[in-house]
Amino acid sequence: MAAETSVSHVNGIDLEVLKATIGAIQQDPALGACRFRARNRWLGATRNCSTIAGFHGAGQEIPHRQAFELHADEPAVLAGEDRAANPVEHLLNALAGCITTSMVAHAAVRGIQIDELESELEGDIDLRGFLGLDPAVPKGYTNIRVKFRVKTAPENLALLKELAAFSPVYNTLVQGAKVDIDIEAC
């Protein structure tokens, strides 16, 4: 799919909307604070479903046009029914989507046209950690590789790699985030 380019759109990004958001946050930095939410429900065995209906941003509650459901399961080798991507595959999807969006939007603001963009991701996990078989083995990904193929002017490639670093998901993975877990009775 070719990128849309006009006076107010680059790579399909509405620059007027994006610049208005940037300007509002520059004027009032508190508008940049967001809180995203997901609700998850166990469906039995290794299946569960997260529902995402809205978030807090720009100083207000913002509902999505529709609630989104993200189903997760495990493959048969992990006692699942293989009816949905598993959570670590969802993480690869989140990383791919966030880096892609970050690159495209930041490129648009800089006037860089992207005609095509696709990526392949793969990550390494040793199940001995997850299964509790070896406490010295990490329980999650130890390495993730992301390979992009981009149709753009050759001189843009190095800058696009730099723009990928604006991705919140990428930054969460490489810098870490505090995660608090609280468990209470129903």
Protein backbone atom coordinates (compact mmCIF):
# COMPACT_ATOMS: atom_id res chain seq x y z
CA MET A 1 0.00 0.00 0.00
CA ALA A 2 1.53 3.33 -1.02
CA ALA A 3 1.88 6.07 1.56
CA GLU A 4 -0.57 8.95 1.34
CA THR A 5 1.15 12.28 0.73
CA SER A 6 -0.56 15.69 0.58
CA VAL A 7 -0.22 19.06 2.23
CA SER A 8 -1.69 17.83 5.50
CA HIS A 9 -1.02 14.07 5.26
CA VAL A 10 2.27 12.19 5.05
CA ASN A 11 2.34 8.38 5.31
CA GLY A 12 -1.40 8.52 6.02
CA ILE A 13 -0.76 10.55 9.18
CA ASP A 14 -2.98 13.63 9.62
CA LEU A 15 -0.28 16.16 10.45
CA GLU A 16 -2.79 18.80 11.55
CA VAL A 17 -4.15 16.50 14.28
CA LEU A 18 -0.68 15.35 15.34
CA LYS A 19 0.73 18.89 15.43
CA ALA A 20 -2.30 20.09 17.43
CA THR A 21 -1.70 17.34 19.99
CA ILE A 22 2.01 18.18 20.17
CA GLY A 23 1.22 21.88 20.59
CA ALA A 24 -1.34 21.25 23.34
CA ILE A 25 1.12 19.08 25.30
CA GLN A 26 3.88 21.67 24.86
CA GLN A 27 1.54 24.29 26.35
CA ASP A 28 0.31 22.01 29.16
CA PRO A 29 2.70 19.07 29.82
CA ALA A 30 0.14 17.44 32.15
CA LEU A 31 -1.92 16.60 29.05
CA GLY A 32 0.80 14.13 28.06
CA ALA A 33 0.14 11.85 31.03
CA CYS A 34 -1.83 8.79 29.92
CA ARG A 35 -3.12 5.69 31.65
CA PHE A 36 -3.95 2.73 29.44
CA ARG A 37 -6.01 -0.16 30.80
CA ALA A 38 -6.93 -3.72 29.98
CA ARG A 39 -9.29 -6.11 31.78
CA ASN A 40 -8.55 -9.81 31.48
CA ARG A 41 -10.80 -12.80 32.14
CA TRP A 42 -9.72 -16.42 32.38
CA LEU A 43 -11.81 -18.59 30.05
CA GLY A 44 -10.58 -21.99 31.22
CA ALA A 45 -7.48 -24.11 30.65
CA THR A 46 -4.84 -21.79 29.15
CA ARG A 47 -7.33 -19.47 27.44
CA ASN A 48 -8.05 -15.90 28.52
CA CYS A 49 -9.37 -12.71 26.98
CA SER A 50 -8.43 -9.09 27.55
CA THR A 51 -10.91 -6.31 26.83
CA ILE A 52 -9.72 -2.80 26.09
CA ALA A 53 -12.45 -0.15 26.09
CA GLY A 54 -10.74 3.19 26.65
CA PHE A 55 -7.95 5.08 28.35
CA HIS A 56 -7.19 8.28 30.22
CA GLY A 57 -5.33 10.86 28.17
CA ALA A 58 -5.31 14.57 27.42
CA GLY A 59 -6.75 15.12 30.90
CA GLN A 60 -9.91 13.11 30.26
CA GLU A 61 -11.39 9.64 29.80
CA ILE A 62 -11.35 8.68 26.13
CA PRO A 63 -13.50 5.70 25.11
CA HIS A 64 -12.52 3.68 22.06
CA ARG A 65 -15.07 3.58 19.24
CA GLN A 66 -15.57 -0.06 20.18
CA ALA A 67 -14.21 -2.40 22.83
CA PHE A 68 -11.37 -4.57 21.58
CA GLU A 69 -10.93 -8.19 22.62
CA LEU A 70 -7.52 -9.81 22.57
CA HIS A 71 -7.65 -13.56 23.04
CA ALA A 72 -4.71 -15.60 24.26
CA ASP A 73 -4.05 -19.32 24.49
CA GLU A 74 -1.07 -21.63 24.47
CA PRO A 75 -0.01 -24.20 21.90
CA ALA A 76 -0.77 -27.87 22.55
CA VAL A 77 2.78 -28.56 23.75
CA LEU A 78 2.04 -26.23 26.70
CA ALA A 79 -1.35 -27.86 27.42
CA GLY A 80 -3.28 -25.28 25.41
CA GLU A 81 -5.82 -25.58 22.63
CA ASP A 82 -3.87 -23.26 20.25
CA ARG A 83 -6.98 -21.11 19.64
CA ALA A 84 -5.14 -17.78 19.81
CA ALA A 85 -1.65 -16.32 19.88
CA ASN A 86 0.07 -16.87 23.20
CA PRO A 87 1.03 -13.95 25.45
CA VAL A 88 4.69 -13.84 24.36
CA GLU A 89 3.51 -13.71 20.73
CA HIS A 90 1.21 -10.82 21.69
CA LEU A 91 4.30 -9.08 23.07
CA LEU A 92 6.03 -9.44 19.68
CA ASN A 93 2.91 -8.01 18.04
CA ALA A 94 2.87 -5.08 20.47
CA LEU A 95 6.54 -4.40 19.77
CA ALA A 96 6.08 -4.57 15.99
CA GLY A 97 2.99 -2.36 16.04
CA CYS A 98 4.52 0.23 18.33
CA ILE A 99 7.84 0.52 16.48
CA THR A 100 6.00 0.71 13.16
CA THR A 101 3.66 3.44 14.39
CA SER A 102 6.53 5.37 15.97
CA MET A 103 8.65 5.25 12.82
CA VAL A 104 5.80 6.20 10.48
CA ALA A 105 4.50 9.08 12.62
CA HIS A 106 7.92 10.55 13.39
CA ALA A 107 8.92 10.19 9.73
CA ALA A 108 5.72 12.00 8.68
CA VAL A 109 6.46 14.96 10.95
CA ARG A 110 9.91 15.16 9.34
CA GLY A 111 8.43 14.97 5.82
CA ILE A 112 9.90 11.52 5.13
CA GLN A 113 7.67 9.49 2.85
CA ILE A 114 7.42 5.74 3.40
CA ASP A 115 5.81 3.76 0.58
CA GLU A 116 5.95 0.31 2.17
CA LEU A 117 7.01 -1.04 5.56
CA GLU A 118 6.93 -4.53 6.96
CA SER A 119 8.73 -6.34 9.73
CA GLU A 120 9.57 -9.80 10.99
CA LEU A 121 10.18 -10.48 14.67
CA GLU A 122 11.46 -13.48 16.51
CA GLY A 123 12.44 -13.99 20.10
CA ASP A 124 14.22 -16.62 22.15
CA ILE A 125 12.72 -18.15 25.30
CA ASP A 126 14.00 -21.21 27.14
CA LEU A 127 10.97 -23.00 28.62
CA ARG A 128 13.08 -24.41 31.46
CA GLY A 129 12.73 -21.00 33.14
CA PHE A 130 8.95 -20.70 32.68
CA LEU A 131 8.40 -24.32 33.77
CA GLY A 132 10.51 -23.85 36.91
CA LEU A 133 12.99 -26.53 35.89
CA ASP A 134 16.11 -24.41 36.30
CA PRO A 135 16.15 -21.27 38.49
CA ALA A 136 19.21 -19.98 36.60
CA VAL A 137 17.31 -19.82 33.29
CA PRO A 138 15.39 -16.56 32.63
CA LYS A 139 11.61 -16.93 32.49
CA GLY A 140 11.11 -14.61 29.53
CA TYR A 141 12.70 -13.50 26.30
CA THR A 142 16.50 -13.33 26.33
CA ASN A 143 16.79 -11.88 22.84
CA ILE A 144 14.36 -10.36 20.35
CA ARG A 145 15.30 -9.64 16.75
CA VAL A 146 13.33 -7.17 14.63
CA LYS A 147 13.98 -6.86 10.91
CA PHE A 148 12.28 -4.11 8.89
CA ARG A 149 11.99 -3.83 5.13
CA VAL A 150 11.15 -0.30 4.06
CA LYS A 151 10.46 1.26 0.67
CA THR A 152 11.71 4.82 0.99
CA ALA A 153 14.60 6.91 -0.27
CA PRO A 154 17.88 5.15 0.72
CA GLU A 155 19.11 8.18 2.64
CA ASN A 156 16.17 7.78 5.07
CA LEU A 157 17.10 4.31 6.37
CA ALA A 158 19.53 5.36 9.11
CA LEU A 159 17.12 8.00 10.42
CA LEU A 160 14.23 5.52 10.44
CA LYS A 161 16.27 3.22 12.66
CA GLU A 162 16.79 6.14 15.07
CA LEU A 163 13.06 6.95 15.00
CA ALA A 164 12.26 3.39 16.12
CA ALA A 165 13.71 4.36 19.51
CA PHE A 166 10.63 6.58 20.13
CA SER A 167 8.49 3.44 20.58
CA PRO A 168 7.06 3.19 24.12
CA VAL A 169 6.90 -0.63 23.91
CA TYR A 170 10.53 -0.83 22.76
CA ASN A 171 11.58 1.47 25.60
CA THR A 172 9.59 -0.51 28.16
CA LEU A 173 11.35 -3.69 27.06
CA VAL A 174 14.89 -2.31 27.01
CA GLN A 175 14.59 -0.09 30.10
CA GLY A 176 12.13 -2.13 32.15
CA ALA A 177 9.07 -0.96 34.03
CA LYS A 178 7.96 -1.38 37.60
CA VAL A 179 5.11 -3.90 37.75
CA ASP A 180 3.02 -4.19 40.92
CA ILE A 181 0.91 -7.33 41.35
CA ASP A 182 -1.91 -7.39 43.93
CA ILE A 183 -4.08 -10.46 44.49
CA GLU A 184 -7.37 -10.35 46.43
CA ALA A 185 -10.24 -12.76 46.98
CA CYS A 186 -13.41 -12.43 44.87
